[in-house]
N, C-alpha and C. Protein backbone atom coordinates (compact mmCIF):
# COMPACT_ATOMS: atom_id res chain seq x y z
N MET A 1 145.06 151.52 136.02
CA MET A 1 145.21 150.15 136.41
C MET A 1 143.96 149.73 137.15
N PHE A 2 143.51 148.53 136.87
CA PHE A 2 142.24 148.02 137.36
C PHE A 2 142.48 146.70 138.08
N ARG A 3 141.65 146.43 139.06
CA ARG A 3 141.70 145.14 139.75
C ARG A 3 140.63 144.27 139.14
N LEU A 4 140.98 143.07 138.73
CA LEU A 4 140.07 142.17 138.05
C LEU A 4 139.76 140.95 138.90
N GLY A 5 138.48 140.64 139.02
CA GLY A 5 138.08 139.36 139.59
C GLY A 5 138.24 139.19 141.08
N ARG A 6 138.06 140.21 141.87
CA ARG A 6 138.11 140.07 143.32
C ARG A 6 136.76 140.45 143.90
N GLY A 7 136.46 139.95 145.06
CA GLY A 7 135.24 140.36 145.74
C GLY A 7 134.08 139.43 145.44
N LYS A 8 132.86 139.95 145.62
CA LYS A 8 131.65 139.17 145.46
C LYS A 8 131.49 138.71 144.02
N LYS A 9 130.92 137.50 143.87
CA LYS A 9 130.63 136.98 142.54
C LYS A 9 129.45 137.72 141.96
N LYS A 10 129.53 138.10 140.71
CA LYS A 10 128.43 138.74 140.01
C LYS A 10 128.49 138.33 138.55
N ALA A 11 127.46 138.67 137.82
CA ALA A 11 127.43 138.34 136.40
C ALA A 11 128.66 138.95 135.72
N SER A 12 129.32 138.14 134.92
CA SER A 12 130.54 138.60 134.27
C SER A 12 130.23 139.46 133.07
N ASN A 13 130.99 140.53 132.91
CA ASN A 13 130.89 141.38 131.74
C ASN A 13 132.00 141.05 130.75
N LYS A 14 132.78 140.00 131.04
CA LYS A 14 133.85 139.59 130.14
C LYS A 14 133.22 138.98 128.89
N LEU A 15 133.47 139.57 127.74
CA LEU A 15 132.91 139.08 126.50
C LEU A 15 133.81 138.07 125.81
N PHE A 16 135.13 138.25 125.95
CA PHE A 16 136.07 137.40 125.25
C PHE A 16 137.44 137.60 125.87
N SER A 17 138.27 136.58 125.80
CA SER A 17 139.65 136.74 126.28
C SER A 17 140.60 135.96 125.39
N ILE A 18 141.82 136.45 125.34
CA ILE A 18 142.90 135.75 124.66
C ILE A 18 144.11 135.76 125.58
N SER A 19 145.06 134.89 125.28
CA SER A 19 146.26 134.80 126.10
C SER A 19 147.45 135.35 125.33
N LEU A 20 148.59 135.28 125.97
CA LEU A 20 149.83 135.74 125.33
C LEU A 20 150.14 134.97 124.05
N LYS A 21 149.61 133.77 123.93
CA LYS A 21 149.83 132.99 122.71
C LYS A 21 149.17 133.66 121.51
N GLY A 22 148.16 134.48 121.78
CA GLY A 22 147.52 135.22 120.70
C GLY A 22 146.42 134.46 120.00
N ASP A 23 146.03 133.26 120.49
CA ASP A 23 144.92 132.54 119.88
C ASP A 23 143.67 133.41 119.99
N GLY A 24 142.99 133.62 118.89
CA GLY A 24 141.77 134.41 118.90
C GLY A 24 141.94 135.86 118.54
N ILE A 25 143.09 136.24 118.02
CA ILE A 25 143.34 137.64 117.66
C ILE A 25 142.30 138.13 116.66
N ASP A 26 142.04 137.35 115.60
CA ASP A 26 141.08 137.80 114.58
C ASP A 26 139.67 137.89 115.16
N THR A 27 139.29 136.94 116.00
CA THR A 27 137.96 136.98 116.62
C THR A 27 137.81 138.23 117.47
N LEU A 28 138.81 138.52 118.28
CA LEU A 28 138.76 139.71 119.12
C LEU A 28 138.73 140.98 118.27
N ALA A 29 139.52 141.03 117.22
CA ALA A 29 139.52 142.19 116.32
C ALA A 29 138.15 142.37 115.68
N ASP A 30 137.50 141.27 115.28
CA ASP A 30 136.17 141.36 114.69
C ASP A 30 135.14 141.85 115.70
N MET A 31 135.25 141.41 116.94
CA MET A 31 134.32 141.85 117.98
C MET A 31 134.48 143.35 118.22
N ILE A 32 135.70 143.82 118.28
CA ILE A 32 135.94 145.25 118.50
C ILE A 32 135.48 146.04 117.28
N SER A 33 135.70 145.53 116.08
CA SER A 33 135.21 146.19 114.86
C SER A 33 133.71 146.38 114.93
N GLU A 34 133.00 145.36 115.39
CA GLU A 34 131.54 145.44 115.52
C GLU A 34 131.14 146.51 116.53
N ILE A 35 131.84 146.57 117.65
CA ILE A 35 131.55 147.59 118.68
C ILE A 35 131.77 148.99 118.12
N LEU A 36 132.85 149.16 117.37
CA LEU A 36 133.20 150.49 116.85
C LEU A 36 132.36 150.89 115.63
N SER A 37 131.64 149.95 115.05
CA SER A 37 130.89 150.22 113.82
C SER A 37 129.75 151.22 114.02
N THR A 38 129.43 151.54 115.25
CA THR A 38 128.35 152.49 115.52
C THR A 38 128.83 153.94 115.44
N SER A 39 130.10 154.17 115.25
CA SER A 39 130.66 155.53 115.22
C SER A 39 131.45 155.78 113.95
N ASP A 40 131.58 157.07 113.63
CA ASP A 40 132.48 157.45 112.55
C ASP A 40 133.92 157.24 113.01
N ARG A 41 134.79 156.87 112.08
CA ARG A 41 136.19 156.60 112.40
C ARG A 41 136.85 157.78 113.11
N GLU A 42 136.50 158.99 112.72
CA GLU A 42 137.12 160.18 113.32
C GLU A 42 136.74 160.34 114.80
N ASN A 43 135.66 159.70 115.22
CA ASN A 43 135.19 159.85 116.60
C ASN A 43 135.66 158.73 117.51
N VAL A 44 136.32 157.72 116.95
CA VAL A 44 136.82 156.60 117.75
C VAL A 44 138.18 156.97 118.32
N ILE A 45 138.31 156.75 119.64
CA ILE A 45 139.56 157.06 120.32
C ILE A 45 140.00 155.86 121.14
N PHE A 46 141.19 155.35 120.86
CA PHE A 46 141.79 154.36 121.73
C PHE A 46 142.53 155.14 122.81
N LEU A 47 142.02 155.04 124.04
CA LEU A 47 142.60 155.77 125.18
C LEU A 47 143.45 154.79 125.97
N CYS A 48 144.76 154.93 125.87
CA CYS A 48 145.72 154.00 126.46
C CYS A 48 146.16 154.55 127.82
N VAL A 49 145.63 153.95 128.87
CA VAL A 49 145.76 154.49 130.22
C VAL A 49 146.91 153.83 130.96
N GLY A 50 147.68 154.63 131.69
CA GLY A 50 148.75 154.08 132.52
C GLY A 50 149.89 155.06 132.67
N SER A 51 150.91 154.60 133.37
CA SER A 51 152.08 155.43 133.65
C SER A 51 153.34 154.63 133.38
N ARG A 52 154.33 155.28 132.85
CA ARG A 52 155.60 154.57 132.63
C ARG A 52 156.44 154.48 133.90
N ARG A 53 155.92 155.02 135.00
CA ARG A 53 156.66 154.97 136.26
C ARG A 53 156.58 153.59 136.93
N SER A 54 155.71 152.73 136.43
CA SER A 54 155.55 151.38 136.97
C SER A 54 155.57 150.40 135.80
N ILE A 55 156.30 149.31 135.94
CA ILE A 55 156.41 148.35 134.84
C ILE A 55 155.03 147.86 134.41
N GLY A 56 154.23 147.39 135.34
CA GLY A 56 152.91 146.86 134.99
C GLY A 56 151.98 147.90 134.44
N ASP A 57 152.00 149.08 135.02
CA ASP A 57 151.09 150.14 134.59
C ASP A 57 151.50 150.77 133.27
N SER A 58 152.67 150.42 132.76
CA SER A 58 153.13 150.99 131.48
C SER A 58 152.49 150.29 130.28
N LEU A 59 151.68 149.28 130.52
CA LEU A 59 151.06 148.55 129.42
C LEU A 59 150.28 149.48 128.48
N GLY A 60 149.37 150.28 129.01
CA GLY A 60 148.56 151.17 128.18
C GLY A 60 149.40 152.10 127.33
N PRO A 61 150.31 152.86 127.96
CA PRO A 61 151.17 153.74 127.15
C PRO A 61 152.03 153.00 126.13
N ALA A 62 152.46 151.78 126.46
CA ALA A 62 153.24 150.99 125.49
C ALA A 62 152.37 150.64 124.28
N VAL A 63 151.11 150.25 124.53
CA VAL A 63 150.19 149.97 123.43
C VAL A 63 149.99 151.23 122.59
N GLY A 64 149.77 152.36 123.24
CA GLY A 64 149.58 153.61 122.51
C GLY A 64 150.76 153.95 121.61
N THR A 65 151.95 153.77 122.14
CA THR A 65 153.16 154.03 121.35
C THR A 65 153.23 153.10 120.14
N LEU A 66 152.97 151.82 120.35
CA LEU A 66 153.01 150.85 119.25
C LEU A 66 151.93 151.14 118.21
N LEU A 67 150.74 151.52 118.66
CA LEU A 67 149.66 151.85 117.72
C LEU A 67 150.01 153.06 116.88
N LYS A 68 150.61 154.06 117.49
CA LYS A 68 151.01 155.27 116.73
C LYS A 68 152.07 154.91 115.69
N GLU A 69 152.99 154.00 116.05
CA GLU A 69 154.02 153.57 115.10
C GLU A 69 153.40 152.83 113.92
N LYS A 70 152.31 152.12 114.15
CA LYS A 70 151.63 151.38 113.07
C LYS A 70 150.72 152.29 112.25
N ASP A 71 150.50 153.51 112.72
CA ASP A 71 149.69 154.49 112.00
C ASP A 71 148.30 153.94 111.66
N ILE A 72 147.61 153.45 112.69
CA ILE A 72 146.27 152.92 112.49
C ILE A 72 145.29 154.06 112.16
N PRO A 73 144.12 153.74 111.56
CA PRO A 73 143.21 154.80 111.12
C PRO A 73 142.30 155.37 112.22
N PHE A 74 142.68 155.23 113.47
CA PHE A 74 141.90 155.74 114.59
C PHE A 74 142.78 156.66 115.43
N GLN A 75 142.14 157.52 116.20
CA GLN A 75 142.90 158.38 117.11
C GLN A 75 143.42 157.55 118.28
N VAL A 76 144.63 157.83 118.69
CA VAL A 76 145.25 157.16 119.83
C VAL A 76 145.71 158.25 120.79
N ILE A 77 145.28 158.13 122.04
CA ILE A 77 145.71 159.07 123.07
C ILE A 77 146.31 158.26 124.21
N GLY A 78 147.52 158.62 124.60
CA GLY A 78 148.24 157.93 125.67
C GLY A 78 149.39 157.12 125.12
N THR A 79 150.60 157.63 125.29
CA THR A 79 151.82 156.96 124.82
C THR A 79 152.85 157.02 125.94
N LEU A 80 153.98 156.37 125.72
CA LEU A 80 155.05 156.41 126.72
C LEU A 80 155.56 157.84 126.91
N ASP A 81 155.58 158.63 125.82
CA ASP A 81 156.06 160.02 125.92
C ASP A 81 154.98 160.99 126.39
N ASP A 82 153.72 160.62 126.24
CA ASP A 82 152.61 161.50 126.61
C ASP A 82 151.49 160.64 127.22
N PRO A 83 151.70 160.13 128.45
CA PRO A 83 150.76 159.17 129.04
C PRO A 83 149.48 159.81 129.56
N VAL A 84 148.45 158.97 129.65
CA VAL A 84 147.18 159.32 130.30
C VAL A 84 147.18 158.56 131.62
N HIS A 85 147.15 159.31 132.73
CA HIS A 85 147.26 158.68 134.05
C HIS A 85 146.34 159.39 135.04
N ALA A 86 146.38 158.98 136.28
CA ALA A 86 145.46 159.50 137.31
C ALA A 86 145.50 161.02 137.43
N LEU A 87 146.64 161.63 137.20
CA LEU A 87 146.76 163.08 137.39
C LEU A 87 146.21 163.91 136.24
N ASN A 88 146.06 163.30 135.04
CA ASN A 88 145.60 164.10 133.90
C ASN A 88 144.39 163.52 133.17
N VAL A 89 143.89 162.37 133.60
CA VAL A 89 142.81 161.72 132.85
C VAL A 89 141.56 162.58 132.79
N THR A 90 141.19 163.26 133.85
CA THR A 90 139.98 164.10 133.84
C THR A 90 140.13 165.24 132.85
N GLU A 91 141.28 165.88 132.85
CA GLU A 91 141.56 166.97 131.90
C GLU A 91 141.50 166.47 130.46
N ILE A 92 142.07 165.30 130.19
CA ILE A 92 142.08 164.74 128.84
C ILE A 92 140.66 164.37 128.40
N LEU A 93 139.89 163.77 129.30
CA LEU A 93 138.50 163.43 128.96
C LEU A 93 137.68 164.68 128.66
N ASN A 94 137.87 165.74 129.44
CA ASN A 94 137.17 167.01 129.18
C ASN A 94 137.56 167.57 127.81
N LYS A 95 138.84 167.51 127.48
CA LYS A 95 139.30 168.00 126.19
C LYS A 95 138.68 167.20 125.05
N ILE A 96 138.62 165.88 125.20
CA ILE A 96 138.01 165.03 124.18
C ILE A 96 136.54 165.41 123.99
N GLN A 97 135.82 165.53 125.10
CA GLN A 97 134.39 165.87 125.04
C GLN A 97 134.15 167.23 124.37
N ASN A 98 135.06 168.17 124.58
CA ASN A 98 134.91 169.51 124.00
C ASN A 98 135.31 169.59 122.53
N GLU A 99 136.19 168.68 122.09
CA GLU A 99 136.73 168.78 120.74
C GLU A 99 136.16 167.78 119.74
N ILE A 100 135.59 166.68 120.23
CA ILE A 100 135.14 165.62 119.33
C ILE A 100 133.65 165.37 119.53
N PRO A 101 132.87 165.53 118.46
CA PRO A 101 131.43 165.28 118.60
C PRO A 101 131.15 163.79 118.80
N SER A 102 130.40 163.46 119.82
CA SER A 102 130.00 162.07 120.12
C SER A 102 131.18 161.10 120.07
N PRO A 103 132.21 161.31 120.89
CA PRO A 103 133.36 160.40 120.83
C PRO A 103 133.01 159.01 121.33
N LEU A 104 133.59 158.01 120.71
CA LEU A 104 133.51 156.64 121.21
C LEU A 104 134.89 156.34 121.78
N ILE A 105 134.99 156.40 123.09
CA ILE A 105 136.28 156.20 123.76
C ILE A 105 136.40 154.73 124.13
N PHE A 106 137.47 154.11 123.66
CA PHE A 106 137.72 152.69 123.91
C PHE A 106 139.03 152.59 124.70
N PRO A 107 138.93 152.45 126.04
CA PRO A 107 140.14 152.41 126.88
C PRO A 107 140.88 151.07 126.84
N ILE A 108 142.17 151.16 127.05
CA ILE A 108 143.06 150.00 127.19
C ILE A 108 143.87 150.24 128.45
N ASP A 109 143.91 149.24 129.34
CA ASP A 109 144.60 149.43 130.62
C ASP A 109 145.13 148.11 131.13
N ALA A 110 146.07 148.20 132.05
CA ALA A 110 146.59 147.04 132.77
C ALA A 110 145.67 146.75 133.95
N SER A 111 145.72 145.50 134.40
CA SER A 111 144.98 145.15 135.61
C SER A 111 145.75 144.10 136.38
N LEU A 112 145.32 143.91 137.60
CA LEU A 112 145.84 142.86 138.45
C LEU A 112 144.70 141.86 138.67
N GLY A 113 145.02 140.61 138.87
CA GLY A 113 143.97 139.61 139.06
C GLY A 113 144.50 138.40 139.80
N ASP A 114 143.78 137.31 139.66
CA ASP A 114 144.23 136.04 140.24
C ASP A 114 145.38 135.49 139.41
N ILE A 115 146.17 134.63 140.00
CA ILE A 115 147.34 134.06 139.31
C ILE A 115 146.92 133.37 138.00
N SER A 116 145.73 132.77 137.97
CA SER A 116 145.27 132.07 136.77
C SER A 116 144.94 133.03 135.63
N GLN A 117 144.77 134.31 135.93
CA GLN A 117 144.42 135.31 134.91
C GLN A 117 145.63 136.03 134.32
N VAL A 118 146.78 135.90 134.95
CA VAL A 118 147.97 136.63 134.49
C VAL A 118 148.29 136.23 133.04
N GLY A 119 148.49 137.24 132.20
CA GLY A 119 148.79 136.99 130.80
C GLY A 119 147.56 136.95 129.91
N LYS A 120 146.39 137.19 130.46
CA LYS A 120 145.17 137.19 129.65
C LYS A 120 144.75 138.62 129.33
N ILE A 121 144.13 138.75 128.18
CA ILE A 121 143.60 140.03 127.71
C ILE A 121 142.10 139.85 127.60
N TYR A 122 141.36 140.74 128.23
CA TYR A 122 139.91 140.63 128.28
C TYR A 122 139.25 141.79 127.55
N LEU A 123 138.22 141.46 126.76
CA LEU A 123 137.31 142.46 126.24
C LEU A 123 136.16 142.50 127.23
N ILE A 124 135.91 143.67 127.80
CA ILE A 124 134.93 143.82 128.86
C ILE A 124 133.83 144.77 128.39
N LYS A 125 132.57 144.36 128.62
CA LYS A 125 131.44 145.26 128.39
C LYS A 125 131.23 146.04 129.68
N GLY A 126 131.26 147.35 129.55
CA GLY A 126 131.15 148.23 130.71
C GLY A 126 132.33 149.17 130.75
N PRO A 127 132.20 150.22 131.53
CA PRO A 127 133.28 151.23 131.56
C PRO A 127 134.51 150.74 132.31
N LEU A 128 135.65 151.27 131.90
CA LEU A 128 136.88 151.10 132.65
C LEU A 128 136.84 152.07 133.82
N ILE A 129 137.19 151.59 134.99
CA ILE A 129 137.30 152.47 136.15
C ILE A 129 138.77 152.46 136.56
N PRO A 130 139.54 153.38 135.99
CA PRO A 130 140.99 153.36 136.23
C PRO A 130 141.32 153.64 137.69
N GLY A 131 142.40 153.01 138.15
CA GLY A 131 142.89 153.26 139.50
C GLY A 131 142.21 152.48 140.60
N SER A 132 141.24 151.63 140.27
CA SER A 132 140.47 150.97 141.32
C SER A 132 141.32 150.01 142.17
N ALA A 133 142.32 149.38 141.59
CA ALA A 133 143.16 148.48 142.38
C ALA A 133 143.99 149.23 143.41
N SER A 134 144.22 150.50 143.16
CA SER A 134 144.98 151.33 144.10
C SER A 134 144.08 152.18 144.98
N ASN A 135 142.78 151.85 144.96
CA ASN A 135 141.78 152.58 145.75
C ASN A 135 141.74 154.06 145.42
N ILE A 136 141.93 154.38 144.14
CA ILE A 136 141.80 155.75 143.65
C ILE A 136 140.46 155.81 142.91
N THR A 137 139.65 156.81 143.21
CA THR A 137 138.36 156.95 142.55
C THR A 137 138.49 157.91 141.37
N LEU A 138 138.35 157.37 140.16
CA LEU A 138 138.40 158.17 138.94
C LEU A 138 137.13 157.92 138.13
N GLU A 139 136.86 158.81 137.22
CA GLU A 139 135.66 158.74 136.39
C GLU A 139 135.67 157.48 135.51
N PRO A 140 134.53 156.77 135.45
CA PRO A 140 134.42 155.62 134.53
C PRO A 140 134.57 156.11 133.09
N ILE A 141 135.19 155.26 132.25
CA ILE A 141 135.48 155.65 130.86
C ILE A 141 134.97 154.57 129.91
N GLY A 142 134.18 154.97 128.93
CA GLY A 142 133.76 154.10 127.84
C GLY A 142 132.63 153.15 128.18
N ASP A 143 132.16 152.44 127.15
CA ASP A 143 131.13 151.42 127.30
C ASP A 143 131.71 150.02 127.20
N TYR A 144 132.89 149.90 126.59
CA TYR A 144 133.64 148.66 126.46
C TYR A 144 135.11 149.03 126.67
N HIS A 145 135.92 148.05 127.04
CA HIS A 145 137.36 148.31 127.16
C HIS A 145 138.14 147.01 127.11
N LEU A 146 139.45 147.15 126.91
CA LEU A 146 140.38 146.02 126.96
C LEU A 146 141.21 146.14 128.23
N ARG A 147 141.38 145.00 128.89
CA ARG A 147 142.20 144.93 130.08
C ARG A 147 143.14 143.74 129.97
N ALA A 148 144.40 143.95 130.30
CA ALA A 148 145.37 142.85 130.32
C ALA A 148 145.85 142.67 131.75
N VAL A 149 145.83 141.43 132.21
CA VAL A 149 146.26 141.13 133.57
C VAL A 149 147.78 140.95 133.56
N VAL A 150 148.47 141.90 134.18
CA VAL A 150 149.94 141.93 134.14
C VAL A 150 150.58 141.22 135.33
N ASN A 151 149.80 140.99 136.40
CA ASN A 151 150.37 140.31 137.57
C ASN A 151 149.23 139.93 138.51
N ALA A 152 149.56 139.04 139.45
CA ALA A 152 148.61 138.66 140.50
C ALA A 152 148.54 139.79 141.52
N LEU A 153 147.35 140.01 142.04
CA LEU A 153 147.13 141.08 143.01
C LEU A 153 147.50 140.63 144.41
N ASP A 154 148.34 141.41 145.05
CA ASP A 154 148.54 141.30 146.49
C ASP A 154 147.65 142.37 147.09
N PRO A 155 146.52 141.99 147.73
CA PRO A 155 145.56 142.99 148.18
C PRO A 155 146.13 144.00 149.17
N LEU A 156 147.21 143.63 149.86
CA LEU A 156 147.81 144.57 150.80
C LEU A 156 148.78 145.54 150.13
N LEU A 157 149.33 145.13 149.00
CA LEU A 157 150.33 145.95 148.32
C LEU A 157 150.09 145.98 146.80
N PRO A 158 148.97 146.58 146.35
CA PRO A 158 148.71 146.57 144.91
C PRO A 158 149.77 147.30 144.09
N ALA A 159 150.32 148.38 144.60
CA ALA A 159 151.36 149.10 143.86
C ALA A 159 152.60 148.23 143.68
N LYS A 160 152.94 147.45 144.70
CA LYS A 160 154.07 146.54 144.60
C LYS A 160 153.79 145.45 143.55
N SER A 161 152.53 144.99 143.51
CA SER A 161 152.15 144.00 142.50
C SER A 161 152.39 144.54 141.10
N LEU A 162 152.04 145.79 140.88
CA LEU A 162 152.28 146.40 139.56
C LEU A 162 153.76 146.51 139.27
N ASN A 163 154.52 146.98 140.25
CA ASN A 163 155.97 147.15 140.05
C ASN A 163 156.69 145.82 139.89
N ASP A 164 156.13 144.75 140.46
CA ASP A 164 156.76 143.44 140.35
C ASP A 164 156.38 142.69 139.08
N SER A 165 155.60 143.32 138.21
CA SER A 165 155.25 142.70 136.93
C SER A 165 156.52 142.49 136.11
N LYS A 166 156.52 141.45 135.30
CA LYS A 166 157.67 141.17 134.45
C LYS A 166 157.61 142.03 133.20
N ALA A 167 158.67 142.77 132.94
CA ALA A 167 158.71 143.67 131.78
C ALA A 167 158.45 142.91 130.48
N GLU A 168 159.03 141.72 130.34
CA GLU A 168 158.84 140.96 129.09
C GLU A 168 157.38 140.53 128.91
N ASP A 169 156.67 140.25 130.00
CA ASP A 169 155.25 139.91 129.89
C ASP A 169 154.44 141.13 129.47
N VAL A 170 154.75 142.28 130.04
CA VAL A 170 154.05 143.52 129.67
C VAL A 170 154.30 143.83 128.20
N GLU A 171 155.54 143.67 127.74
CA GLU A 171 155.86 143.91 126.34
C GLU A 171 155.11 142.96 125.42
N LYS A 172 155.03 141.68 125.80
CA LYS A 172 154.31 140.70 124.98
C LYS A 172 152.81 141.02 124.94
N LEU A 173 152.23 141.36 126.09
CA LEU A 173 150.81 141.73 126.13
C LEU A 173 150.55 142.96 125.26
N ALA A 174 151.42 143.95 125.35
CA ALA A 174 151.27 145.16 124.53
C ALA A 174 151.35 144.82 123.05
N ALA A 175 152.24 143.91 122.68
CA ALA A 175 152.37 143.51 121.27
C ALA A 175 151.11 142.79 120.78
N VAL A 176 150.54 141.92 121.60
CA VAL A 176 149.32 141.20 121.20
C VAL A 176 148.15 142.17 121.07
N ILE A 177 148.00 143.08 122.04
CA ILE A 177 146.91 144.06 121.96
C ILE A 177 147.08 144.93 120.72
N THR A 178 148.29 145.34 120.44
CA THR A 178 148.56 146.16 119.25
C THR A 178 148.19 145.39 117.98
N GLU A 179 148.53 144.12 117.93
CA GLU A 179 148.17 143.30 116.77
C GLU A 179 146.65 143.21 116.61
N VAL A 180 145.94 143.00 117.72
CA VAL A 180 144.47 142.96 117.68
C VAL A 180 143.94 144.27 117.11
N LEU A 181 144.35 145.40 117.70
CA LEU A 181 143.80 146.69 117.31
C LEU A 181 144.22 147.11 115.91
N SER A 182 145.37 146.63 115.44
CA SER A 182 145.78 146.96 114.07
C SER A 182 144.95 146.18 113.05
N ARG A 183 144.27 145.12 113.48
CA ARG A 183 143.40 144.34 112.60
C ARG A 183 141.94 144.80 112.66
N VAL A 184 141.64 145.75 113.53
CA VAL A 184 140.28 146.28 113.61
C VAL A 184 139.97 147.01 112.32
N LYS A 185 138.84 146.68 111.76
CA LYS A 185 138.46 147.30 110.48
C LYS A 185 137.99 148.72 110.69
N ALA A 186 138.42 149.60 109.81
CA ALA A 186 138.00 150.99 109.86
C ALA A 186 136.48 151.05 109.69
N VAL A 187 135.90 151.94 110.43
CA VAL A 187 134.45 152.11 110.40
C VAL A 187 134.08 153.22 109.43
N LYS A 188 132.83 153.61 109.42
CA LYS A 188 132.29 154.62 108.50
C LYS A 188 133.30 155.66 108.06
């Protein structure tokens, strides 16, 4: 889980965003296809980060589960039954690095943000830094990633903000992200 849009203003790495309405699904899928075109399909990994112990943080594993059900032509790691979270992400990243030559890891995670951002899905240039909203320091992952804002951040209680996310919003965001990624064109 990531905190989005707080603190000092800096140049934005947000490349594109869509809302729960799903306007722009094909555009976002084309942008991700372009990003992934630099790697062989076997080396592309959608890393769905989160925990099912929190409604908001379950977004990543929900996406992973839906992607596996759609049988997309890319590797998917992180599902509701086998999540990637703060306690195992380092081990999983080490395993990926040892087993896959030149992996292109594309993370998907939930985030908290301003009230105006809730329900938006962002394509971000730069690594995902999981756990930052909870002040957990974990290894940055990937060169690009998708983030969905599941709730507004209460800076004093970020874990409560995640738990107070609406399950139906998380489900809708997961469905839109799954639709985007299922439209990503297979690479080499």
